[in-house]
Amino acid sequence: MGRQQEEYLELFNRINFEKIKDHPNILIAANFWDEDRYGAARTCYRFMRAIDDLIDDHKSAHLGFSED
């Protein structure tokens, strides 16, 4: 087995699939990128989740979106 394959296998074995909700697909995939790209993906994902939560909160309190 080559060095790169060993690194991928090691990385794969560190993923906790029992907590898959904490490791969405994009972050699992990003783990295979270099560290800077992975950090950027985590940052973007946190903002995306926060925005999604704000939208869900708004939808639960209102019938929909409008310009009013």
PDB file of N, CA and C in Angstrom:
ATOM      1  N   MET A   1       0.849  -1.174   0.000  1.00  0.00           N
ATOM      2  CA  MET A   1       0.000   0.000   0.000  1.00  0.00           C
ATOM      3  C   MET A   1       0.892   1.234   0.000  1.00  0.00           C
ATOM      4  N   GLY A   2       0.561   2.208  -0.842  1.00  0.00           N
ATOM      5  CA  GLY A   2       1.348   3.424  -0.934  1.00  0.00           C
ATOM      6  C   GLY A   2       1.099   4.358   0.245  1.00  0.00           C
ATOM      7  N   ARG A   3       1.981   5.319   0.394  1.00  0.00           N
ATOM      8  CA  ARG A   3       1.887   6.273   1.507  1.00  0.00           C
ATOM      9  C   ARG A   3       0.578   7.064   1.467  1.00  0.00           C
ATOM     10  N   GLN A   4       0.178   7.502   0.281  1.00  0.00           N
ATOM     11  CA  GLN A   4      -1.061   8.278   0.178  1.00  0.00           C
ATOM     12  C   GLN A   4      -2.266   7.424   0.563  1.00  0.00           C
ATOM     13  N   GLN A   5      -2.294   6.179   0.142  1.00  0.00           N
ATOM     14  CA  GLN A   5      -3.387   5.275   0.514  1.00  0.00           C
ATOM     15  C   GLN A   5      -3.424   5.073   2.025  1.00  0.00           C
ATOM     16  N   GLU A   6      -2.268   4.946   2.641  1.00  0.00           N
ATOM     17  CA  GLU A   6      -2.188   4.783   4.094  1.00  0.00           C
ATOM     18  C   GLU A   6      -2.756   6.019   4.804  1.00  0.00           C
ATOM     19  N   GLU A   7      -2.430   7.197   4.295  1.00  0.00           N
ATOM     20  CA  GLU A   7      -2.944   8.433   4.887  1.00  0.00           C
ATOM     21  C   GLU A   7      -4.463   8.499   4.760  1.00  0.00           C
ATOM     22  N   TYR A   8      -4.989   8.127   3.583  1.00  0.00           N
ATOM     23  CA  TYR A   8      -6.440   8.138   3.380  1.00  0.00           C
ATOM     24  C   TYR A   8      -7.128   7.130   4.300  1.00  0.00           C
ATOM     25  N   LEU A   9      -6.552   5.971   4.444  1.00  0.00           N
ATOM     26  CA  LEU A   9      -7.123   4.948   5.314  1.00  0.00           C
ATOM     27  C   LEU A   9      -7.109   5.408   6.764  1.00  0.00           C
ATOM     28  N   GLU A  10      -6.018   6.016   7.182  1.00  0.00           N
ATOM     29  CA  GLU A  10      -5.911   6.551   8.544  1.00  0.00           C
ATOM     30  C   GLU A  10      -6.977   7.624   8.774  1.00  0.00           C
ATOM     31  N   LEU A  11      -7.126   8.506   7.810  1.00  0.00           N
ATOM     32  CA  LEU A  11      -8.133   9.553   7.901  1.00  0.00           C
ATOM     33  C   LEU A  11      -9.535   8.952   7.955  1.00  0.00           C
ATOM     34  N   PHE A  12      -9.814   8.005   7.095  1.00  0.00           N
ATOM     35  CA  PHE A  12     -11.111   7.340   7.069  1.00  0.00           C
ATOM     36  C   PHE A  12     -11.419   6.691   8.412  1.00  0.00           C
ATOM     37  N   ASN A  13     -10.442   6.076   9.009  1.00  0.00           N
ATOM     38  CA  ASN A  13     -10.646   5.391  10.288  1.00  0.00           C
ATOM     39  C   ASN A  13     -10.868   6.353  11.453  1.00  0.00           C
ATOM     40  N   ARG A  14     -10.504   7.622  11.292  1.00  0.00           N
ATOM     41  CA  ARG A  14     -10.742   8.620  12.345  1.00  0.00           C
ATOM     42  C   ARG A  14     -12.159   9.169  12.318  1.00  0.00           C
ATOM     43  N   ILE A  15     -12.888   8.966  11.229  1.00  0.00           N
ATOM     44  CA  ILE A  15     -14.246   9.505  11.126  1.00  0.00           C
ATOM     45  C   ILE A  15     -15.173   8.689  12.016  1.00  0.00           C
ATOM     46  N   ASN A  16     -15.901   9.376  12.876  1.00  0.00           N
ATOM     47  CA  ASN A  16     -16.847   8.716  13.768  1.00  0.00           C
ATOM     48  C   ASN A  16     -18.197   8.636  13.064  1.00  0.00           C
ATOM     49  N   PHE A  17     -18.479   7.503  12.447  1.00  0.00           N
ATOM     50  CA  PHE A  17     -19.711   7.352  11.690  1.00  0.00           C
ATOM     51  C   PHE A  17     -20.934   7.212  12.598  1.00  0.00           C
ATOM     52  N   GLU A  18     -20.713   7.001  13.887  1.00  0.00           N
ATOM     53  CA  GLU A  18     -21.832   6.983  14.836  1.00  0.00           C
ATOM     54  C   GLU A  18     -22.407   8.390  15.011  1.00  0.00           C
ATOM     55  N   LYS A  19     -21.592   9.400  14.770  1.00  0.00           N
ATOM     56  CA  LYS A  19     -22.024  10.788  14.906  1.00  0.00           C
ATOM     57  C   LYS A  19     -22.090  11.443  13.537  1.00  0.00           C
ATOM     58  N   ILE A  20     -22.685  10.755  12.579  1.00  0.00           N
ATOM     59  CA  ILE A  20     -22.691  11.240  11.202  1.00  0.00           C
ATOM     60  C   ILE A  20     -23.362  12.607  11.094  1.00  0.00           C
ATOM     61  N   LYS A  21     -24.317  12.915  11.986  1.00  0.00           N
ATOM     62  CA  LYS A  21     -24.959  14.238  11.939  1.00  0.00           C
ATOM     63  C   LYS A  21     -23.965  15.350  12.250  1.00  0.00           C
ATOM     64  N   ASP A  22     -22.903  15.012  12.979  1.00  0.00           N
ATOM     65  CA  ASP A  22     -21.862  15.995  13.285  1.00  0.00           C
ATOM     66  C   ASP A  22     -20.816  16.075  12.184  1.00  0.00           C
ATOM     67  N   HIS A  23     -20.885  15.146  11.223  1.00  0.00           N
ATOM     68  CA  HIS A  23     -19.914  15.085  10.136  1.00  0.00           C
ATOM     69  C   HIS A  23     -20.659  15.036   8.809  1.00  0.00           C
ATOM     70  N   PRO A  24     -21.268  16.153   8.413  1.00  0.00           N
ATOM     71  CA  PRO A  24     -21.986  16.123   7.136  1.00  0.00           C
ATOM     72  C   PRO A  24     -21.057  15.753   5.983  1.00  0.00           C
ATOM     73  N   ASN A  25     -21.655  15.304   4.907  1.00  0.00           N
ATOM     74  CA  ASN A  25     -20.876  14.807   3.758  1.00  0.00           C
ATOM     75  C   ASN A  25     -19.799  15.773   3.300  1.00  0.00           C
ATOM     76  N   ILE A  26     -20.096  17.073   3.267  1.00  0.00           N
ATOM     77  CA  ILE A  26     -19.103  18.032   2.775  1.00  0.00           C
ATOM     78  C   ILE A  26     -17.867  18.041   3.675  1.00  0.00           C
ATOM     79  N   LEU A  27     -18.063  17.906   4.981  1.00  0.00           N
ATOM     80  CA  LEU A  27     -16.906  17.916   5.872  1.00  0.00           C
ATOM     81  C   LEU A  27     -16.149  16.599   5.818  1.00  0.00           C
ATOM     82  N   ILE A  28     -16.858  15.494   5.595  1.00  0.00           N
ATOM     83  CA  ILE A  28     -16.170  14.215   5.411  1.00  0.00           C
ATOM     84  C   ILE A  28     -15.296  14.297   4.164  1.00  0.00           C
ATOM     85  N   ALA A  29     -15.872  14.802   3.071  1.00  0.00           N
ATOM     86  CA  ALA A  29     -15.106  14.938   1.829  1.00  0.00           C
ATOM     87  C   ALA A  29     -13.948  15.924   2.008  1.00  0.00           C
ATOM     88  N   ALA A  30     -14.217  17.029   2.694  1.00  0.00           N
ATOM     89  CA  ALA A  30     -13.187  18.054   2.873  1.00  0.00           C
ATOM     90  C   ALA A  30     -12.011  17.530   3.687  1.00  0.00           C
ATOM     91  N   ASN A  31     -12.239  16.526   4.511  1.00  0.00           N
ATOM     92  CA  ASN A  31     -11.157  15.938   5.290  1.00  0.00           C
ATOM     93  C   ASN A  31     -10.057  15.380   4.415  1.00  0.00           C
ATOM     94  N   PHE A  32     -10.385  15.057   3.170  1.00  0.00           N
ATOM     95  CA  PHE A  32      -9.402  14.499   2.256  1.00  0.00           C
ATOM     96  C   PHE A  32      -8.608  15.585   1.530  1.00  0.00           C
ATOM     97  N   TRP A  33      -8.960  16.839   1.757  1.00  0.00           N
ATOM     98  CA  TRP A  33      -8.224  17.951   1.166  1.00  0.00           C
ATOM     99  C   TRP A  33      -7.102  18.344   2.116  1.00  0.00           C
ATOM    100  N   ASP A  34      -6.317  19.347   1.709  1.00  0.00           N
ATOM    101  CA  ASP A  34      -5.281  19.803   2.629  1.00  0.00           C
ATOM    102  C   ASP A  34      -5.932  20.580   3.783  1.00  0.00           C
ATOM    103  N   GLU A  35      -5.174  20.785   4.833  1.00  0.00           N
ATOM    104  CA  GLU A  35      -5.697  21.350   6.087  1.00  0.00           C
ATOM    105  C   GLU A  35      -6.348  22.724   5.909  1.00  0.00           C
ATOM    106  N   ASP A  36      -5.767  23.601   5.080  1.00  0.00           N
ATOM    107  CA  ASP A  36      -6.344  24.932   4.876  1.00  0.00           C
ATOM    108  C   ASP A  36      -7.719  24.853   4.227  1.00  0.00           C
ATOM    109  N   ARG A  37      -7.854  24.000   3.239  1.00  0.00           N
ATOM    110  CA  ARG A  37      -9.159  23.851   2.567  1.00  0.00           C
ATOM    111  C   ARG A  37     -10.182  23.245   3.511  1.00  0.00           C
ATOM    112  N   TYR A  38      -9.756  22.303   4.331  1.00  0.00           N
ATOM    113  CA  TYR A  38     -10.667  21.706   5.305  1.00  0.00           C
ATOM    114  C   TYR A  38     -11.150  22.765   6.296  1.00  0.00           C
ATOM    115  N   GLY A  39     -10.246  23.589   6.778  1.00  0.00           N
ATOM    116  CA  GLY A  39     -10.629  24.669   7.692  1.00  0.00           C
ATOM    117  C   GLY A  39     -11.610  25.636   7.055  1.00  0.00           C
ATOM    118  N   ALA A  40     -11.381  25.956   5.797  1.00  0.00           N
ATOM    119  CA  ALA A  40     -12.303  26.848   5.082  1.00  0.00           C
ATOM    120  C   ALA A  40     -13.680  26.205   4.934  1.00  0.00           C
ATOM    121  N   ALA A  41     -13.712  24.917   4.622  1.00  0.00           N
ATOM    122  CA  ALA A  41     -14.993  24.215   4.481  1.00  0.00           C
ATOM    123  C   ALA A  41     -15.744  24.196   5.807  1.00  0.00           C
ATOM    124  N   ARG A  42     -15.032  23.990   6.903  1.00  0.00           N
ATOM    125  CA  ARG A  42     -15.687  24.004   8.229  1.00  0.00           C
ATOM    126  C   ARG A  42     -16.267  25.374   8.534  1.00  0.00           C
ATOM    127  N   THR A  43     -15.518  26.423   8.235  1.00  0.00           N
ATOM    128  CA  THR A  43     -16.000  27.783   8.486  1.00  0.00           C
ATOM    129  C   THR A  43     -17.252  28.070   7.662  1.00  0.00           C
ATOM    130  N   CYS A  44     -17.204  27.738   6.378  1.00  0.00           N
ATOM    131  CA  CYS A  44     -18.367  27.961   5.514  1.00  0.00           C
ATOM    132  C   CYS A  44     -19.563  27.159   5.992  1.00  0.00           C
ATOM    133  N   TYR A  45     -19.331  25.929   6.400  1.00  0.00           N
ATOM    134  CA  TYR A  45     -20.433  25.086   6.856  1.00  0.00           C
ATOM    135  C   TYR A  45     -21.081  25.666   8.110  1.00  0.00           C
ATOM    136  N   ARG A  46     -20.275  26.188   9.032  1.00  0.00           N
ATOM    137  CA  ARG A  46     -20.841  26.790  10.248  1.00  0.00           C
ATOM    138  C   ARG A  46     -21.754  27.953   9.898  1.00  0.00           C
ATOM    139  N   PHE A  47     -21.315  28.820   8.971  1.00  0.00           N
ATOM    140  CA  PHE A  47     -22.155  29.941   8.553  1.00  0.00           C
ATOM    141  C   PHE A  47     -23.412  29.455   7.848  1.00  0.00           C
ATOM    142  N   MET A  48     -23.277  28.447   7.003  1.00  0.00           N
ATOM    143  CA  MET A  48     -24.428  27.912   6.292  1.00  0.00           C
ATOM    144  C   MET A  48     -25.452  27.354   7.282  1.00  0.00           C
ATOM    145  N   ARG A  49     -25.001  26.633   8.299  1.00  0.00           N
ATOM    146  CA  ARG A  49     -25.912  26.080   9.309  1.00  0.00           C
ATOM    147  C   ARG A  49     -26.582  27.199  10.092  1.00  0.00           C
ATOM    148  N   ALA A  50     -25.835  28.244  10.434  1.00  0.00           N
ATOM    149  CA  ALA A  50     -26.420  29.359  11.179  1.00  0.00           C
ATOM    150  C   ALA A  50     -27.505  30.046  10.355  1.00  0.00           C
ATOM    151  N   ILE A  51     -27.243  30.258   9.080  1.00  0.00           N
ATOM    152  CA  ILE A  51     -28.234  30.886   8.201  1.00  0.00           C
ATOM    153  C   ILE A  51     -29.449  29.976   8.066  1.00  0.00           C
ATOM    154  N   ASP A  52     -29.228  28.691   7.904  1.00  0.00           N
ATOM    155  CA  ASP A  52     -30.332  27.739   7.800  1.00  0.00           C
ATOM    156  C   ASP A  52     -31.185  27.756   9.066  1.00  0.00           C
ATOM    157  N   ASP A  53     -30.553  27.845  10.228  1.00  0.00           N
ATOM    158  CA  ASP A  53     -31.295  27.914  11.488  1.00  0.00           C
ATOM    159  C   ASP A  53     -32.119  29.193  11.575  1.00  0.00           C
ATOM    160  N   LEU A  54     -31.554  30.317  11.130  1.00  0.00           N
ATOM    161  CA  LEU A  54     -32.314  31.572  11.132  1.00  0.00           C
ATOM    162  C   LEU A  54     -33.538  31.478  10.225  1.00  0.00           C
ATOM    163  N   ILE A  55     -33.378  30.878   9.075  1.00  0.00           N
ATOM    164  CA  ILE A  55     -34.497  30.715   8.145  1.00  0.00           C
ATOM    165  C   ILE A  55     -35.553  29.806   8.760  1.00  0.00           C
ATOM    166  N   ASP A  56     -35.138  28.703   9.350  1.00  0.00           N
ATOM    167  CA  ASP A  56     -36.095  27.796   9.991  1.00  0.00           C
ATOM    168  C   ASP A  56     -36.844  28.487  11.120  1.00  0.00           C
ATOM    169  N   ASP A  57     -36.138  29.283  11.932  1.00  0.00           N
ATOM    170  CA  ASP A  57     -36.790  30.027  13.009  1.00  0.00           C
ATOM    171  C   ASP A  57     -37.820  31.002  12.450  1.00  0.00           C
ATOM    172  N   HIS A  58     -37.457  31.703  11.379  1.00  0.00           N
ATOM    173  CA  HIS A  58     -38.387  32.658  10.762  1.00  0.00           C
ATOM    174  C   HIS A  58     -39.617  31.932  10.219  1.00  0.00           C
ATOM    175  N   LYS A  59     -39.397  30.817   9.553  1.00  0.00           N
ATOM    176  CA  LYS A  59     -40.509  30.067   8.971  1.00  0.00           C
ATOM    177  C   LYS A  59     -41.445  29.532  10.050  1.00  0.00           C
ATOM    178  N   SER A  60     -40.910  29.164  11.201  1.00  0.00           N
ATOM    179  CA  SER A  60     -41.764  28.636  12.263  1.00  0.00           C
ATOM    180  C   SER A  60     -42.583  29.744  12.921  1.00  0.00           C
ATOM    181  N   ALA A  61     -42.120  30.985  12.824  1.00  0.00           N
ATOM    182  CA  ALA A  61     -42.841  32.108  13.429  1.00  0.00           C
ATOM    183  C   ALA A  61     -43.711  32.862  12.438  1.00  0.00           C
ATOM    184  N   HIS A  62     -43.524  32.666  11.152  1.00  0.00           N
ATOM    185  CA  HIS A  62     -44.255  33.386  10.112  1.00  0.00           C
ATOM    186  C   HIS A  62     -44.755  32.426   9.049  1.00  0.00           C
ATOM    187  N   LEU A  63     -45.707  32.881   8.269  1.00  0.00           N
ATOM    188  CA  LEU A  63     -46.249  32.037   7.213  1.00  0.00           C
ATOM    189  C   LEU A  63     -45.312  31.907   6.014  1.00  0.00           C
ATOM    190  N   GLY A  64     -44.428  32.844   5.846  1.00  0.00           N
ATOM    191  CA  GLY A  64     -43.530  32.798   4.708  1.00  0.00           C
ATOM    192  C   GLY A  64     -42.657  34.038   4.679  1.00  0.00           C
ATOM    193  N   PHE A  65     -42.093  34.302   3.527  1.00  0.00           N
ATOM    194  CA  PHE A  65     -41.244  35.473   3.324  1.00  0.00           C
ATOM    195  C   PHE A  65     -41.966  36.458   2.447  1.00  0.00           C
ATOM    196  N   SER A  66     -41.779  37.732   2.744  1.00  0.00           N
ATOM    197  CA  SER A  66     -42.329  38.777   1.878  1.00  0.00           C
ATOM    198  C   SER A  66     -41.432  40.004   1.982  1.00  0.00           C
ATOM    199  N   GLU A  67     -41.626  40.934   1.060  1.00  0.00           N
ATOM    200  CA  GLU A  67     -40.823  42.144   1.081  1.00  0.00           C
ATOM    201  C   GLU A  67     -41.362  43.174   2.077  1.00  0.00           C
ATOM    202  N   ASP A  68     -42.529  42.919   2.646  1.00  0.00           N
ATOM    203  CA  ASP A  68     -43.140  43.862   3.612  1.00  0.00           C
ATOM    204  C   ASP A  68     -42.400  43.863   4.914  1.00  0.00           C
TER     205      ASP A  68
END
